[in-house]
Amino acid sequence: MSTQSTGCACIVRTMRREVFDSTAIASAGYDADTAVLEIEFGSGGVYRYLLVPPRVWRELREAESPGRYFAESVRGRFPEEWVP
């Protein structure tokens, strides 16, 4: 994850994401240093999931259906925040 100034008093953090072959998940990335999983959904919304162990990122990347894996193993299990 890197930081970038937007010219205001705030800092916007960006995360490198990988494109997923999924109708539900357009792209996703993981920062092992902060245990943050960031997902861009097919609808265009971006959310960050906090306190996510590396195993979850690995399993999401390897899942036959990333959307199903997300629904069963991520949604509702970790604190989340919307990324504007």
Protein backbone atom coordinates (compact mmCIF):
# COMPACT_ATOMS: atom_id res chain seq x y z
CA MET A 1 0.00 0.00 0.00
CA SER A 2 1.33 3.48 -0.76
CA THR A 3 0.22 6.93 0.26
CA GLN A 4 -0.47 9.85 -1.99
CA SER A 5 -1.33 13.46 -1.27
CA THR A 6 -4.52 14.83 -2.77
CA GLY A 7 -3.72 18.47 -2.04
CA CYS A 8 -5.98 18.52 1.03
CA ALA A 9 -5.20 17.82 4.66
CA CYS A 10 -6.03 14.14 4.17
CA ILE A 11 -4.01 11.22 2.85
CA VAL A 12 -5.42 8.72 0.38
CA ARG A 13 -3.96 5.22 0.54
CA THR A 14 -3.93 3.15 -2.60
CA MET A 15 -3.49 -0.58 -2.84
CA ARG A 16 -2.28 -2.59 -5.78
CA ARG A 17 -5.04 -5.00 -6.80
CA GLU A 18 -5.11 -8.05 -9.06
CA VAL A 19 -7.83 -8.52 -11.67
CA PHE A 20 -10.11 -11.47 -10.86
CA ASP A 21 -11.92 -13.69 -13.35
CA SER A 22 -15.22 -13.31 -11.50
CA THR A 23 -18.54 -11.61 -12.09
CA ALA A 24 -18.77 -10.63 -8.41
CA ILE A 25 -15.18 -9.44 -7.80
CA ALA A 26 -13.47 -7.22 -10.37
CA SER A 27 -10.17 -6.94 -8.49
CA ALA A 28 -8.65 -7.45 -5.08
CA GLY A 29 -5.44 -6.80 -3.20
CA TYR A 30 -3.94 -7.60 0.16
CA ASP A 31 -1.45 -5.81 2.39
CA ALA A 32 0.20 -8.34 4.70
CA ASP A 33 1.80 -5.59 6.85
CA THR A 34 -1.60 -4.20 7.84
CA ALA A 35 -3.74 -7.35 7.26
CA VAL A 36 -6.07 -5.37 4.98
CA LEU A 37 -7.95 -6.98 2.11
CA GLU A 38 -9.32 -4.55 -0.49
CA ILE A 39 -11.98 -5.69 -2.94
CA GLU A 40 -13.46 -3.92 -5.93
CA PHE A 41 -16.78 -5.51 -6.75
CA GLY A 42 -18.25 -5.95 -10.20
CA SER A 43 -20.73 -3.18 -9.32
CA GLY A 44 -17.80 -0.76 -8.92
CA GLY A 45 -17.89 -0.44 -5.13
CA VAL A 46 -14.61 -0.78 -3.24
CA TYR A 47 -14.39 -2.02 0.34
CA ARG A 48 -11.56 -2.79 2.73
CA TYR A 49 -11.71 -5.67 5.18
CA LEU A 50 -9.55 -5.37 8.28
CA LEU A 51 -7.69 -7.95 10.38
CA VAL A 52 -7.75 -10.49 7.52
CA PRO A 53 -5.19 -13.30 7.89
CA PRO A 54 -2.95 -14.13 4.90
CA ARG A 55 -4.66 -17.52 4.57
CA VAL A 56 -7.93 -15.81 3.55
CA TRP A 57 -6.18 -13.83 0.78
CA ARG A 58 -4.49 -16.99 -0.50
CA GLU A 59 -7.75 -18.95 -0.46
CA LEU A 60 -9.66 -16.13 -2.18
CA ARG A 61 -7.07 -16.06 -4.99
CA GLU A 62 -7.22 -19.85 -5.37
CA ALA A 63 -10.99 -20.23 -5.10
CA GLU A 64 -12.91 -21.77 -7.99
CA SER A 65 -15.58 -19.13 -7.31
CA PRO A 66 -14.10 -16.02 -5.65
CA GLY A 67 -17.59 -14.55 -5.20
CA ARG A 68 -18.80 -17.61 -3.33
CA TYR A 69 -15.64 -17.74 -1.22
CA PHE A 70 -16.12 -14.06 -0.32
CA ALA A 71 -19.76 -14.64 0.67
CA GLU A 72 -18.90 -17.66 2.82
CA SER A 73 -15.56 -16.64 4.34
CA VAL A 74 -15.20 -12.85 4.32
CA ARG A 75 -18.57 -11.05 4.35
CA GLY A 76 -19.68 -10.36 7.90
CA ARG A 77 -16.55 -11.95 9.43
CA PHE A 78 -14.17 -8.96 9.39
CA PRO A 79 -14.55 -5.26 10.10
CA GLU A 80 -15.14 -3.41 6.83
CA GLU A 81 -14.98 0.11 5.48
CA TRP A 82 -16.18 1.64 2.25
CA VAL A 83 -13.51 3.26 0.08
CA PRO A 84 -14.88 6.39 -1.61
